[in-house]
Amino acid sequence: MKQTSRILLFSAILISIAAVSAVCWHSVEEIHYLKSFYPGQFSVEEAFYASAVELVKIIIISVPFFLIIATALYLLRHFRKDSR
């Protein structure tokens, strides 16, 4: 495999990991914002439901990035076996 293809695949993996991390960070910040915005009214049960909604949002947004990571890792491994 050419060196440029390998660099592109590694870049796709790193960008995908950064995107998933940014989505997770945004969800944590959003829960903290809700907690500070409604301090007296935000019960433990509401915090649980807000966390569940954020988890679903993270999963839905992250699935394409996980597919990109899995595909890039497969291609890296596949091309490595062919070069031997």
C-alpha atoms as a PDB file:
ATOM      1  CA  MET A   1       0.000   0.000   0.000  1.00  0.00           C
ATOM      2  CA  LYS A   2       1.257   3.427  -0.791  1.00  0.00           C
ATOM      3  CA  GLN A   3       2.385   5.659   2.015  1.00  0.00           C
ATOM      4  CA  THR A   4      -0.202   8.328   1.112  1.00  0.00           C
ATOM      5  CA  SER A   5      -3.061   5.833   1.417  1.00  0.00           C
ATOM      6  CA  ARG A   6      -1.837   4.772   4.824  1.00  0.00           C
ATOM      7  CA  ILE A   7      -1.577   8.403   5.942  1.00  0.00           C
ATOM      8  CA  LEU A   8      -5.109   9.117   4.680  1.00  0.00           C
ATOM      9  CA  LEU A   9      -6.512   6.132   6.558  1.00  0.00           C
ATOM     10  CA  PHE A  10      -4.758   7.115   9.783  1.00  0.00           C
ATOM     11  CA  SER A  11      -6.015  10.678   9.319  1.00  0.00           C
ATOM     12  CA  ALA A  12      -9.581   9.421   8.868  1.00  0.00           C
ATOM     13  CA  ILE A  13      -9.269   7.431  12.094  1.00  0.00           C
ATOM     14  CA  LEU A  14      -7.900  10.387  14.050  1.00  0.00           C
ATOM     15  CA  ILE A  15     -10.518  12.802  12.697  1.00  0.00           C
ATOM     16  CA  SER A  16     -13.295  10.336  13.546  1.00  0.00           C
ATOM     17  CA  ILE A  17     -12.002   9.894  17.084  1.00  0.00           C
ATOM     18  CA  ALA A  18     -11.802  13.677  17.473  1.00  0.00           C
ATOM     19  CA  ALA A  19     -15.379  14.078  16.202  1.00  0.00           C
ATOM     20  CA  VAL A  20     -16.752  11.453  18.595  1.00  0.00           C
ATOM     21  CA  SER A  21     -14.845  13.073  21.466  1.00  0.00           C
ATOM     22  CA  ALA A  22     -16.277  16.484  20.566  1.00  0.00           C
ATOM     23  CA  VAL A  23     -19.822  15.088  20.502  1.00  0.00           C
ATOM     24  CA  CYS A  24     -19.312  13.476  23.916  1.00  0.00           C
ATOM     25  CA  TRP A  25     -17.850  16.674  25.363  1.00  0.00           C
ATOM     26  CA  HIS A  26     -20.768  18.721  23.995  1.00  0.00           C
ATOM     27  CA  SER A  27     -23.269  16.347  25.598  1.00  0.00           C
ATOM     28  CA  VAL A  28     -21.570  16.610  28.989  1.00  0.00           C
ATOM     29  CA  GLU A  29     -21.531  20.404  28.709  1.00  0.00           C
ATOM     30  CA  GLU A  30     -25.212  20.429  27.741  1.00  0.00           C
ATOM     31  CA  ILE A  31     -26.150  18.424  30.840  1.00  0.00           C
ATOM     32  CA  HIS A  32     -24.118  20.814  33.015  1.00  0.00           C
ATOM     33  CA  TYR A  33     -25.875  23.751  31.343  1.00  0.00           C
ATOM     34  CA  LEU A  34     -29.296  22.261  32.052  1.00  0.00           C
ATOM     35  CA  LYS A  35     -28.274  21.571  35.637  1.00  0.00           C
ATOM     36  CA  SER A  36     -27.135  25.173  36.133  1.00  0.00           C
ATOM     37  CA  PHE A  37     -30.114  26.644  34.279  1.00  0.00           C
ATOM     38  CA  TYR A  38     -32.693  24.776  36.356  1.00  0.00           C
ATOM     39  CA  PRO A  39     -30.853  24.234  39.670  1.00  0.00           C
ATOM     40  CA  GLY A  40     -33.856  23.895  41.960  1.00  0.00           C
ATOM     41  CA  GLN A  41     -36.040  21.982  39.558  1.00  0.00           C
ATOM     42  CA  PHE A  42     -33.522  19.499  38.136  1.00  0.00           C
ATOM     43  CA  SER A  43     -34.135  16.305  40.100  1.00  0.00           C
ATOM     44  CA  VAL A  44     -32.086  13.127  39.986  1.00  0.00           C
ATOM     45  CA  GLU A  45     -34.725  11.462  37.824  1.00  0.00           C
ATOM     46  CA  GLU A  46     -34.692  14.343  35.326  1.00  0.00           C
ATOM     47  CA  ALA A  47     -30.886  14.212  35.253  1.00  0.00           C
ATOM     48  CA  PHE A  48     -31.122  10.500  34.477  1.00  0.00           C
ATOM     49  CA  TYR A  49     -33.527  11.134  31.595  1.00  0.00           C
ATOM     50  CA  ALA A  50     -31.382  13.984  30.269  1.00  0.00           C
ATOM     51  CA  SER A  51     -28.360  11.677  30.362  1.00  0.00           C
ATOM     52  CA  ALA A  52     -30.302   8.965  28.540  1.00  0.00           C
ATOM     53  CA  VAL A  53     -31.318  11.411  25.811  1.00  0.00           C
ATOM     54  CA  GLU A  54     -27.725  12.580  25.457  1.00  0.00           C
ATOM     55  CA  LEU A  55     -26.500   8.972  25.274  1.00  0.00           C
ATOM     56  CA  VAL A  56     -28.948   8.206  22.462  1.00  0.00           C
ATOM     57  CA  LYS A  57     -27.801  11.353  20.665  1.00  0.00           C
ATOM     58  CA  ILE A  58     -24.153  10.323  21.040  1.00  0.00           C
ATOM     59  CA  ILE A  59     -24.866   6.840  19.686  1.00  0.00           C
ATOM     60  CA  ILE A  60     -26.810   8.125  16.670  1.00  0.00           C
ATOM     61  CA  ILE A  61     -24.167  10.707  15.769  1.00  0.00           C
ATOM     62  CA  SER A  62     -21.195   8.394  16.435  1.00  0.00           C
ATOM     63  CA  VAL A  63     -22.287   5.352  14.406  1.00  0.00           C
ATOM     64  CA  PRO A  64     -21.015   6.738  11.060  1.00  0.00           C
ATOM     65  CA  PHE A  65     -17.685   7.647  12.646  1.00  0.00           C
ATOM     66  CA  PHE A  66     -17.330   4.163  14.127  1.00  0.00           C
ATOM     67  CA  LEU A  67     -18.024   2.730  10.667  1.00  0.00           C
ATOM     68  CA  ILE A  68     -15.287   4.935   9.212  1.00  0.00           C
ATOM     69  CA  ILE A  69     -12.862   3.763  11.911  1.00  0.00           C
ATOM     70  CA  ALA A  70     -13.759   0.099  11.377  1.00  0.00           C
ATOM     71  CA  THR A  71     -13.422   0.389   7.602  1.00  0.00           C
ATOM     72  CA  ALA A  72     -10.076   2.173   7.837  1.00  0.00           C
ATOM     73  CA  LEU A  73      -8.717  -0.405  10.280  1.00  0.00           C
ATOM     74  CA  TYR A  74      -9.914  -3.217   8.013  1.00  0.00           C
ATOM     75  CA  LEU A  75      -8.252  -1.644   4.980  1.00  0.00           C
ATOM     76  CA  LEU A  76      -5.009  -1.096   6.873  1.00  0.00           C
ATOM     77  CA  ARG A  77      -4.967  -4.716   7.988  1.00  0.00           C
ATOM     78  CA  HIS A  78      -6.048  -6.042   4.575  1.00  0.00           C
ATOM     79  CA  PHE A  79      -3.374  -4.107   2.703  1.00  0.00           C
ATOM     80  CA  ARG A  80      -0.754  -5.102   5.242  1.00  0.00           C
ATOM     81  CA  LYS A  81      -1.468  -8.802   4.618  1.00  0.00           C
ATOM     82  CA  ASP A  82      -1.238  -8.283   0.830  1.00  0.00           C
ATOM     83  CA  SER A  83       2.165  -6.624   1.087  1.00  0.00           C
ATOM     84  CA  ARG A  84       3.721  -9.611   2.888  1.00  0.00           C
END
